[in-house]
Amino acid sequence: MAIYSYDEGLAVSTPIKFGSSASNTGILVDANGKVGIQKSVPTEDLDVAGTVAISSTLDVSGDIALAADTIEFKLGASGDAQQWWSGTDFHINVNSGEIRLGGGKTTVVASTTARASLTMAHGTAPTSPVNGDMWTTTAGLYVRINGSTVGPLS
């Protein structure tokens, strides 16, 4: 690998470039200290074109801004836990059970003989329930519909 230094008309100083040739931008440090990896004109403090692999902890103390129509996070060695934005809905999928939020309604995966699609832990009735509230107690399932509490459903 060779080190190339060249002038692109920057008034302050000449950037430093590491690459396999004068036309290949491996790593570039510009006059303002911005670092580009496979980027000849970095626009951020660290600007990377390509996939980034991190084998340890990524510690972020500020916001994470992602600019894409579809964004997906896969957690676990086999990607068993996933979260993604499809452009219209936010999806959460853990071990093949999916919750989808968006489009004015929430959808959960269908139940199977092995598991229910939705589980609500037992608690106490809300003091002032509003239409659409659902809760369970040891007596059963309750729901608030048209100003009236219906239940226990058992």
N, C-alpha and C. Protein backbone atom coordinates (compact mmCIF):
# COMPACT_ATOMS: atom_id res chain seq x y z
N MET A 1 0.85 -1.16 0.00
CA MET A 1 0.00 0.00 0.00
C MET A 1 0.90 1.23 0.00
N ALA A 2 0.49 2.21 -0.74
CA ALA A 2 1.23 3.46 -0.83
C ALA A 2 0.46 4.57 -0.13
N ILE A 3 1.15 5.62 0.26
CA ILE A 3 0.54 6.81 0.84
C ILE A 3 0.60 7.91 -0.20
N TYR A 4 -0.56 8.48 -0.52
CA TYR A 4 -0.61 9.55 -1.51
C TYR A 4 -1.11 10.81 -0.84
N SER A 5 -0.50 11.90 -1.14
CA SER A 5 -0.98 13.21 -0.70
C SER A 5 -1.23 14.02 -1.95
N TYR A 6 -2.38 14.67 -2.03
CA TYR A 6 -2.68 15.41 -3.22
C TYR A 6 -3.46 16.66 -2.84
N ASP A 7 -3.56 17.59 -3.74
CA ASP A 7 -4.23 18.86 -3.49
C ASP A 7 -5.50 18.91 -4.34
N GLU A 8 -6.66 19.07 -3.67
CA GLU A 8 -7.92 19.22 -4.38
C GLU A 8 -8.41 20.66 -4.28
N GLY A 9 -7.50 21.57 -4.09
CA GLY A 9 -7.87 22.97 -4.00
C GLY A 9 -8.31 23.39 -2.62
N LEU A 10 -8.03 22.58 -1.61
CA LEU A 10 -8.38 22.96 -0.24
C LEU A 10 -7.45 24.06 0.22
N ALA A 11 -8.02 25.11 0.79
CA ALA A 11 -7.23 26.28 1.16
C ALA A 11 -6.37 26.04 2.39
N VAL A 12 -6.81 25.17 3.30
CA VAL A 12 -6.11 25.02 4.57
C VAL A 12 -4.87 24.16 4.43
N SER A 13 -5.05 22.95 3.96
CA SER A 13 -3.92 22.04 3.78
C SER A 13 -4.35 20.90 2.87
N THR A 14 -3.40 20.05 2.55
CA THR A 14 -3.65 18.93 1.65
C THR A 14 -4.07 17.71 2.46
N PRO A 15 -5.11 16.99 2.04
CA PRO A 15 -5.52 15.79 2.77
C PRO A 15 -4.49 14.68 2.65
N ILE A 16 -4.56 13.76 3.57
CA ILE A 16 -3.69 12.57 3.54
C ILE A 16 -4.56 11.40 3.10
N LYS A 17 -4.03 10.63 2.17
CA LYS A 17 -4.80 9.53 1.59
C LYS A 17 -4.00 8.24 1.66
N PHE A 18 -4.67 7.15 2.08
CA PHE A 18 -4.06 5.83 2.09
C PHE A 18 -4.86 4.98 1.11
N GLY A 19 -4.21 4.42 0.12
CA GLY A 19 -4.91 3.61 -0.86
C GLY A 19 -3.94 2.80 -1.67
N SER A 20 -4.48 1.94 -2.52
CA SER A 20 -3.63 1.08 -3.33
C SER A 20 -3.14 1.77 -4.59
N SER A 21 -3.74 2.92 -4.91
CA SER A 21 -3.29 3.71 -6.06
C SER A 21 -3.75 5.14 -5.85
N ALA A 22 -3.30 6.03 -6.74
CA ALA A 22 -3.68 7.43 -6.61
C ALA A 22 -5.18 7.63 -6.77
N SER A 23 -5.85 6.74 -7.53
CA SER A 23 -7.29 6.90 -7.76
C SER A 23 -8.14 6.11 -6.77
N ASN A 24 -7.53 5.26 -5.96
CA ASN A 24 -8.26 4.45 -4.99
C ASN A 24 -8.24 5.13 -3.62
N THR A 25 -9.42 5.42 -3.08
CA THR A 25 -9.49 6.02 -1.75
C THR A 25 -9.78 4.93 -0.75
N GLY A 26 -8.74 4.48 -0.07
CA GLY A 26 -8.93 3.54 1.02
C GLY A 26 -9.35 4.32 2.25
N ILE A 27 -8.44 5.11 2.78
CA ILE A 27 -8.71 5.99 3.92
C ILE A 27 -8.20 7.38 3.57
N LEU A 28 -9.02 8.38 3.85
CA LEU A 28 -8.63 9.75 3.58
C LEU A 28 -8.91 10.59 4.83
N VAL A 29 -7.95 11.42 5.20
CA VAL A 29 -8.15 12.38 6.28
C VAL A 29 -8.06 13.75 5.63
N ASP A 30 -9.16 14.52 5.69
CA ASP A 30 -9.15 15.81 5.00
C ASP A 30 -8.59 16.91 5.90
N ALA A 31 -8.54 18.10 5.39
CA ALA A 31 -7.94 19.23 6.08
C ALA A 31 -8.69 19.59 7.36
N ASN A 32 -9.97 19.21 7.47
CA ASN A 32 -10.76 19.51 8.65
C ASN A 32 -10.78 18.36 9.65
N GLY A 33 -10.00 17.31 9.38
CA GLY A 33 -9.94 16.17 10.28
C GLY A 33 -11.02 15.13 10.05
N LYS A 34 -11.83 15.32 9.01
CA LYS A 34 -12.86 14.32 8.70
C LYS A 34 -12.20 13.13 8.02
N VAL A 35 -12.63 11.92 8.41
CA VAL A 35 -12.04 10.69 7.91
C VAL A 35 -13.04 10.00 6.99
N GLY A 36 -12.59 9.66 5.80
CA GLY A 36 -13.41 8.92 4.86
C GLY A 36 -12.80 7.55 4.62
N ILE A 37 -13.62 6.51 4.70
CA ILE A 37 -13.20 5.16 4.36
C ILE A 37 -13.97 4.79 3.11
N GLN A 38 -13.26 4.58 2.02
CA GLN A 38 -13.81 4.38 0.69
C GLN A 38 -14.64 5.60 0.25
N LYS A 39 -14.35 6.77 0.81
CA LYS A 39 -15.03 8.02 0.46
C LYS A 39 -13.95 9.06 0.17
N SER A 40 -13.99 9.67 -0.99
CA SER A 40 -12.98 10.66 -1.33
C SER A 40 -13.30 12.04 -0.78
N VAL A 41 -14.58 12.28 -0.41
CA VAL A 41 -14.98 13.56 0.17
C VAL A 41 -15.88 13.26 1.38
N PRO A 42 -15.28 13.04 2.55
CA PRO A 42 -16.10 12.75 3.73
C PRO A 42 -16.93 13.97 4.14
N THR A 43 -18.19 13.73 4.46
CA THR A 43 -19.07 14.83 4.89
C THR A 43 -19.33 14.81 6.39
N GLU A 44 -18.93 13.76 7.07
CA GLU A 44 -19.08 13.64 8.52
C GLU A 44 -17.72 13.39 9.14
N ASP A 45 -17.65 13.43 10.48
CA ASP A 45 -16.37 13.17 11.16
C ASP A 45 -15.79 11.83 10.76
N LEU A 46 -16.65 10.80 10.65
CA LEU A 46 -16.26 9.50 10.12
C LEU A 46 -17.31 9.13 9.08
N ASP A 47 -16.90 8.98 7.82
CA ASP A 47 -17.81 8.73 6.71
C ASP A 47 -17.36 7.45 6.02
N VAL A 48 -18.18 6.40 6.09
CA VAL A 48 -17.81 5.09 5.58
C VAL A 48 -18.76 4.69 4.47
N ALA A 49 -18.21 4.24 3.35
CA ALA A 49 -19.00 3.67 2.26
C ALA A 49 -18.78 2.17 2.31
N GLY A 50 -19.79 1.42 2.71
CA GLY A 50 -19.66 -0.02 2.81
C GLY A 50 -20.14 -0.52 4.17
N THR A 51 -19.98 -1.79 4.39
CA THR A 51 -20.43 -2.44 5.62
C THR A 51 -19.39 -2.25 6.72
N VAL A 52 -19.87 -1.97 7.92
CA VAL A 52 -19.00 -1.83 9.08
C VAL A 52 -19.25 -3.02 10.00
N ALA A 53 -18.21 -3.72 10.38
CA ALA A 53 -18.32 -4.84 11.32
C ALA A 53 -17.68 -4.42 12.64
N ILE A 54 -18.42 -4.62 13.71
CA ILE A 54 -17.92 -4.27 15.04
C ILE A 54 -17.96 -5.54 15.87
N SER A 55 -16.81 -5.96 16.38
CA SER A 55 -16.75 -7.22 17.12
C SER A 55 -16.77 -7.00 18.62
N SER A 56 -16.99 -5.77 19.05
CA SER A 56 -17.09 -5.48 20.48
C SER A 56 -18.29 -4.56 20.67
N THR A 57 -18.29 -3.78 21.70
CA THR A 57 -19.43 -2.92 22.04
C THR A 57 -19.39 -1.63 21.24
N LEU A 58 -20.54 -1.23 20.74
CA LEU A 58 -20.71 0.08 20.12
C LEU A 58 -21.43 0.93 21.15
N ASP A 59 -20.75 1.90 21.71
CA ASP A 59 -21.30 2.75 22.76
C ASP A 59 -21.68 4.09 22.14
N VAL A 60 -22.96 4.40 22.12
CA VAL A 60 -23.46 5.62 21.52
C VAL A 60 -24.06 6.48 22.62
N SER A 61 -23.59 7.71 22.75
CA SER A 61 -24.13 8.59 23.78
C SER A 61 -25.11 9.61 23.22
N GLY A 62 -25.27 9.64 21.92
CA GLY A 62 -26.23 10.55 21.28
C GLY A 62 -27.26 9.77 20.50
N ASP A 63 -27.96 10.44 19.64
CA ASP A 63 -28.98 9.81 18.81
C ASP A 63 -28.34 9.00 17.70
N ILE A 64 -29.05 7.99 17.24
CA ILE A 64 -28.67 7.24 16.05
C ILE A 64 -29.66 7.62 14.97
N ALA A 65 -29.18 8.22 13.90
CA ALA A 65 -30.04 8.65 12.80
C ALA A 65 -29.78 7.74 11.61
N LEU A 66 -30.82 7.07 11.14
CA LEU A 66 -30.71 6.16 10.02
C LEU A 66 -31.54 6.70 8.88
N ALA A 67 -30.92 6.84 7.73
CA ALA A 67 -31.62 7.43 6.57
C ALA A 67 -31.81 6.38 5.51
N ALA A 68 -32.88 5.62 5.64
CA ALA A 68 -33.20 4.60 4.65
C ALA A 68 -34.70 4.32 4.74
N ASP A 69 -35.29 3.87 3.66
CA ASP A 69 -36.71 3.52 3.69
C ASP A 69 -36.96 2.25 4.48
N THR A 70 -36.02 1.32 4.43
CA THR A 70 -36.13 0.06 5.16
C THR A 70 -34.89 -0.12 6.01
N ILE A 71 -35.10 -0.27 7.32
CA ILE A 71 -34.01 -0.41 8.27
C ILE A 71 -34.27 -1.67 9.08
N GLU A 72 -33.26 -2.52 9.26
CA GLU A 72 -33.46 -3.76 9.98
C GLU A 72 -32.32 -3.98 10.97
N PHE A 73 -32.69 -4.37 12.19
CA PHE A 73 -31.72 -4.76 13.22
C PHE A 73 -31.93 -6.23 13.49
N LYS A 74 -30.87 -7.00 13.45
CA LYS A 74 -30.95 -8.41 13.80
C LYS A 74 -30.09 -8.64 15.03
N LEU A 75 -30.68 -9.27 16.03
CA LEU A 75 -29.99 -9.53 17.28
C LEU A 75 -29.82 -11.02 17.47
N GLY A 76 -28.73 -11.44 18.07
CA GLY A 76 -28.47 -12.85 18.29
C GLY A 76 -27.68 -13.44 17.13
N ALA A 77 -27.05 -14.57 17.41
CA ALA A 77 -26.17 -15.19 16.41
C ALA A 77 -26.92 -15.57 15.14
N SER A 78 -28.18 -15.97 15.26
CA SER A 78 -28.93 -16.37 14.07
C SER A 78 -29.99 -15.34 13.69
N GLY A 79 -29.94 -14.17 14.30
CA GLY A 79 -30.90 -13.12 13.97
C GLY A 79 -32.30 -13.42 14.47
N ASP A 80 -32.42 -14.18 15.58
CA ASP A 80 -33.73 -14.57 16.10
C ASP A 80 -34.57 -13.36 16.52
N ALA A 81 -33.94 -12.33 17.03
CA ALA A 81 -34.67 -11.12 17.42
C ALA A 81 -34.41 -10.05 16.37
N GLN A 82 -35.47 -9.49 15.83
CA GLN A 82 -35.34 -8.50 14.77
C GLN A 82 -36.27 -7.34 15.02
N GLN A 83 -35.84 -6.16 14.62
CA GLN A 83 -36.68 -4.97 14.59
C GLN A 83 -36.42 -4.30 13.26
N TRP A 84 -37.47 -3.84 12.61
CA TRP A 84 -37.25 -3.15 11.34
C TRP A 84 -38.40 -2.22 11.03
N TRP A 85 -38.09 -1.24 10.20
CA TRP A 85 -39.05 -0.28 9.67
C TRP A 85 -39.24 -0.62 8.21
N SER A 86 -40.46 -0.86 7.78
CA SER A 86 -40.71 -1.27 6.41
C SER A 86 -41.10 -0.11 5.52
N GLY A 87 -41.08 1.10 6.06
CA GLY A 87 -41.50 2.26 5.29
C GLY A 87 -42.91 2.70 5.69
N THR A 88 -43.71 1.77 6.22
CA THR A 88 -45.05 2.10 6.70
C THR A 88 -45.31 1.59 8.11
N ASP A 89 -44.67 0.49 8.49
CA ASP A 89 -44.91 -0.14 9.79
C ASP A 89 -43.59 -0.42 10.49
N PHE A 90 -43.63 -0.42 11.82
CA PHE A 90 -42.50 -0.84 12.64
C PHE A 90 -42.77 -2.26 13.08
N HIS A 91 -41.84 -3.17 12.82
CA HIS A 91 -42.01 -4.59 13.12
C HIS A 91 -41.06 -4.99 14.25
N ILE A 92 -41.55 -5.84 15.15
CA ILE A 92 -40.73 -6.45 16.19
C ILE A 92 -40.97 -7.94 16.08
N ASN A 93 -39.91 -8.71 15.92
CA ASN A 93 -40.03 -10.15 15.75
C ASN A 93 -39.04 -10.83 16.68
N VAL A 94 -39.54 -11.57 17.64
CA VAL A 94 -38.68 -12.32 18.55
C VAL A 94 -39.08 -13.78 18.45
N ASN A 95 -38.14 -14.60 18.05
CA ASN A 95 -38.38 -16.04 17.90
C ASN A 95 -39.63 -16.34 17.09
N SER A 96 -39.76 -15.69 15.95
CA SER A 96 -40.82 -15.92 14.97
C SER A 96 -42.20 -15.44 15.39
N GLY A 97 -42.32 -14.66 16.46
CA GLY A 97 -43.58 -14.02 16.82
C GLY A 97 -43.45 -12.57 16.42
N GLU A 98 -44.41 -12.01 15.72
CA GLU A 98 -44.26 -10.66 15.20
C GLU A 98 -45.32 -9.73 15.76
N ILE A 99 -44.90 -8.52 16.10
CA ILE A 99 -45.81 -7.44 16.42
C ILE A 99 -45.54 -6.36 15.39
N ARG A 100 -46.60 -5.83 14.78
CA ARG A 100 -46.44 -4.80 13.75
C ARG A 100 -47.24 -3.58 14.20
N LEU A 101 -46.58 -2.43 14.23
CA LEU A 101 -47.21 -1.19 14.65
C LEU A 101 -47.23 -0.24 13.48
N GLY A 102 -48.37 0.32 13.18
CA GLY A 102 -48.47 1.28 12.09
C GLY A 102 -49.74 1.10 11.31
N GLY A 103 -49.98 2.03 10.42
CA GLY A 103 -51.15 1.94 9.56
C GLY A 103 -52.46 2.02 10.33
N GLY A 104 -52.43 2.55 11.57
CA GLY A 104 -53.65 2.71 12.34
C GLY A 104 -54.08 1.51 13.14
N LYS A 105 -53.37 0.40 13.06
CA LYS A 105 -53.73 -0.75 13.88
C LYS A 105 -52.49 -1.55 14.22
N THR A 106 -52.61 -2.36 15.26
CA THR A 106 -51.53 -3.23 15.70
C THR A 106 -51.90 -4.67 15.36
N THR A 107 -50.99 -5.39 14.75
CA THR A 107 -51.24 -6.77 14.35
C THR A 107 -50.24 -7.67 15.07
N VAL A 108 -50.73 -8.78 15.61
CA VAL A 108 -49.85 -9.76 16.23
C VAL A 108 -49.94 -11.05 15.43
N VAL A 109 -48.93 -11.86 15.54
CA VAL A 109 -48.88 -13.12 14.82
C VAL A 109 -50.01 -14.03 15.31
N ALA A 110 -50.49 -14.92 14.47
CA ALA A 110 -51.57 -15.85 14.83
C ALA A 110 -51.11 -16.83 15.90
N SER A 111 -52.04 -17.25 16.74
CA SER A 111 -51.71 -18.24 17.76
C SER A 111 -51.52 -19.61 17.10
N THR A 112 -50.83 -20.47 17.80
CA THR A 112 -50.63 -21.85 17.34
C THR A 112 -50.93 -22.77 18.52
N THR A 113 -50.85 -24.06 18.30
CA THR A 113 -51.05 -25.00 19.41
C THR A 113 -49.93 -24.91 20.42
N ALA A 114 -48.79 -24.33 20.03
CA ALA A 114 -47.64 -24.22 20.92
C ALA A 114 -47.62 -22.93 21.74
N ARG A 115 -48.34 -21.88 21.27
CA ARG A 115 -48.28 -20.61 21.98
C ARG A 115 -49.44 -19.72 21.60
N ALA A 116 -49.76 -18.82 22.54
CA ALA A 116 -50.79 -17.81 22.29
C ALA A 116 -50.16 -16.66 21.52
N SER A 117 -50.98 -15.88 20.83
CA SER A 117 -50.45 -14.74 20.10
C SER A 117 -50.29 -13.52 20.98
N LEU A 118 -51.00 -13.46 22.10
CA LEU A 118 -50.92 -12.30 22.99
C LEU A 118 -51.13 -12.78 24.42
N THR A 119 -50.28 -12.36 25.33
CA THR A 119 -50.39 -12.71 26.73
C THR A 119 -50.41 -11.43 27.55
N MET A 120 -51.39 -11.33 28.43
CA MET A 120 -51.50 -10.18 29.32
C MET A 120 -51.31 -10.67 30.75
N ALA A 121 -50.37 -10.09 31.46
CA ALA A 121 -50.12 -10.48 32.85
C ALA A 121 -51.27 -10.01 33.73
N HIS A 122 -51.61 -10.80 34.77
CA HIS A 122 -52.65 -10.41 35.71
C HIS A 122 -52.22 -9.17 36.47
N GLY A 123 -53.19 -8.31 36.75
CA GLY A 123 -52.93 -7.11 37.53
C GLY A 123 -54.19 -6.67 38.22
N THR A 124 -54.35 -5.38 38.37
CA THR A 124 -55.56 -4.83 38.97
C THR A 124 -56.25 -3.94 37.95
N ALA A 125 -57.53 -3.71 38.15
CA ALA A 125 -58.30 -2.88 37.23
C ALA A 125 -57.81 -1.44 37.28
N PRO A 126 -57.75 -0.76 36.14
CA PRO A 126 -57.38 0.66 36.16
C PRO A 126 -58.46 1.47 36.90
N THR A 127 -58.03 2.52 37.57
CA THR A 127 -58.96 3.36 38.32
C THR A 127 -59.97 4.03 37.41
N SER A 128 -59.53 4.54 36.27
CA SER A 128 -60.42 5.23 35.33
C SER A 128 -60.20 4.67 33.93
N PRO A 129 -60.76 3.50 33.65
CA PRO A 129 -60.54 2.93 32.31
C PRO A 129 -61.23 3.76 31.24
N VAL A 130 -60.67 3.74 30.04
CA VAL A 130 -61.25 4.43 28.89
C VAL A 130 -61.56 3.39 27.82
N ASN A 131 -62.42 3.77 26.88
CA ASN A 131 -62.81 2.85 25.81
C ASN A 131 -61.57 2.26 25.12
N GLY A 132 -61.58 0.95 24.95
CA GLY A 132 -60.48 0.25 24.30
C GLY A 132 -59.50 -0.38 25.27
N ASP A 133 -59.54 0.01 26.55
CA ASP A 133 -58.65 -0.59 27.54
C ASP A 133 -58.98 -2.07 27.73
N MET A 134 -57.95 -2.87 27.92
CA MET A 134 -58.11 -4.29 28.24
C MET A 134 -57.19 -4.61 29.40
N TRP A 135 -57.64 -5.45 30.32
CA TRP A 135 -56.80 -5.84 31.44
C TRP A 135 -57.28 -7.19 31.98
N THR A 136 -56.42 -7.84 32.73
CA THR A 136 -56.80 -9.10 33.34
C THR A 136 -56.54 -9.03 34.84
N THR A 137 -57.35 -9.75 35.57
CA THR A 137 -57.12 -10.01 36.99
C THR A 137 -57.24 -11.51 37.16
N THR A 138 -57.10 -12.00 38.36
CA THR A 138 -57.26 -13.44 38.57
C THR A 138 -58.69 -13.89 38.31
N ALA A 139 -59.65 -12.94 38.27
CA ALA A 139 -61.04 -13.29 37.98
C ALA A 139 -61.31 -13.47 36.49
N GLY A 140 -60.49 -12.86 35.62
CA GLY A 140 -60.71 -13.01 34.19
C GLY A 140 -60.27 -11.79 33.40
N LEU A 141 -60.73 -11.71 32.17
CA LEU A 141 -60.38 -10.65 31.23
C LEU A 141 -61.49 -9.60 31.22
N TYR A 142 -61.09 -8.34 31.22
CA TYR A 142 -62.03 -7.22 31.18
C TYR A 142 -61.70 -6.33 29.99
N VAL A 143 -62.73 -5.66 29.47
CA VAL A 143 -62.53 -4.72 28.39
C VAL A 143 -63.51 -3.56 28.57
N ARG A 144 -63.08 -2.36 28.21
CA ARG A 144 -63.93 -1.18 28.30
C ARG A 144 -64.47 -0.90 26.91
N ILE A 145 -65.81 -0.95 26.72
CA ILE A 145 -66.46 -0.74 25.43
C ILE A 145 -67.61 0.23 25.62
N ASN A 146 -67.65 1.30 24.83
CA ASN A 146 -68.75 2.28 24.84
C ASN A 146 -69.09 2.76 26.24
N GLY A 147 -68.07 3.04 27.04
CA GLY A 147 -68.28 3.60 28.38
C GLY A 147 -68.63 2.59 29.44
N SER A 148 -68.69 1.31 29.10
CA SER A 148 -69.03 0.27 30.07
C SER A 148 -67.91 -0.76 30.13
N THR A 149 -67.66 -1.26 31.33
CA THR A 149 -66.69 -2.34 31.52
C THR A 149 -67.39 -3.66 31.34
N VAL A 150 -66.86 -4.50 30.48
CA VAL A 150 -67.42 -5.83 30.23
C VAL A 150 -66.46 -6.84 30.82
N GLY A 151 -66.99 -7.74 31.63
CA GLY A 151 -66.17 -8.77 32.22
C GLY A 151 -66.60 -9.08 33.64
N PRO A 152 -66.05 -10.08 34.21
CA PRO A 152 -64.93 -10.84 33.66
C PRO A 152 -65.36 -11.83 32.58
N LEU A 153 -64.58 -11.87 31.53
CA LEU A 153 -64.75 -12.88 30.50
C LEU A 153 -63.88 -14.05 30.90
N SER A 154 -64.45 -15.19 31.00
CA SER A 154 -63.65 -16.35 31.44
C SER A 154 -64.06 -17.59 30.71
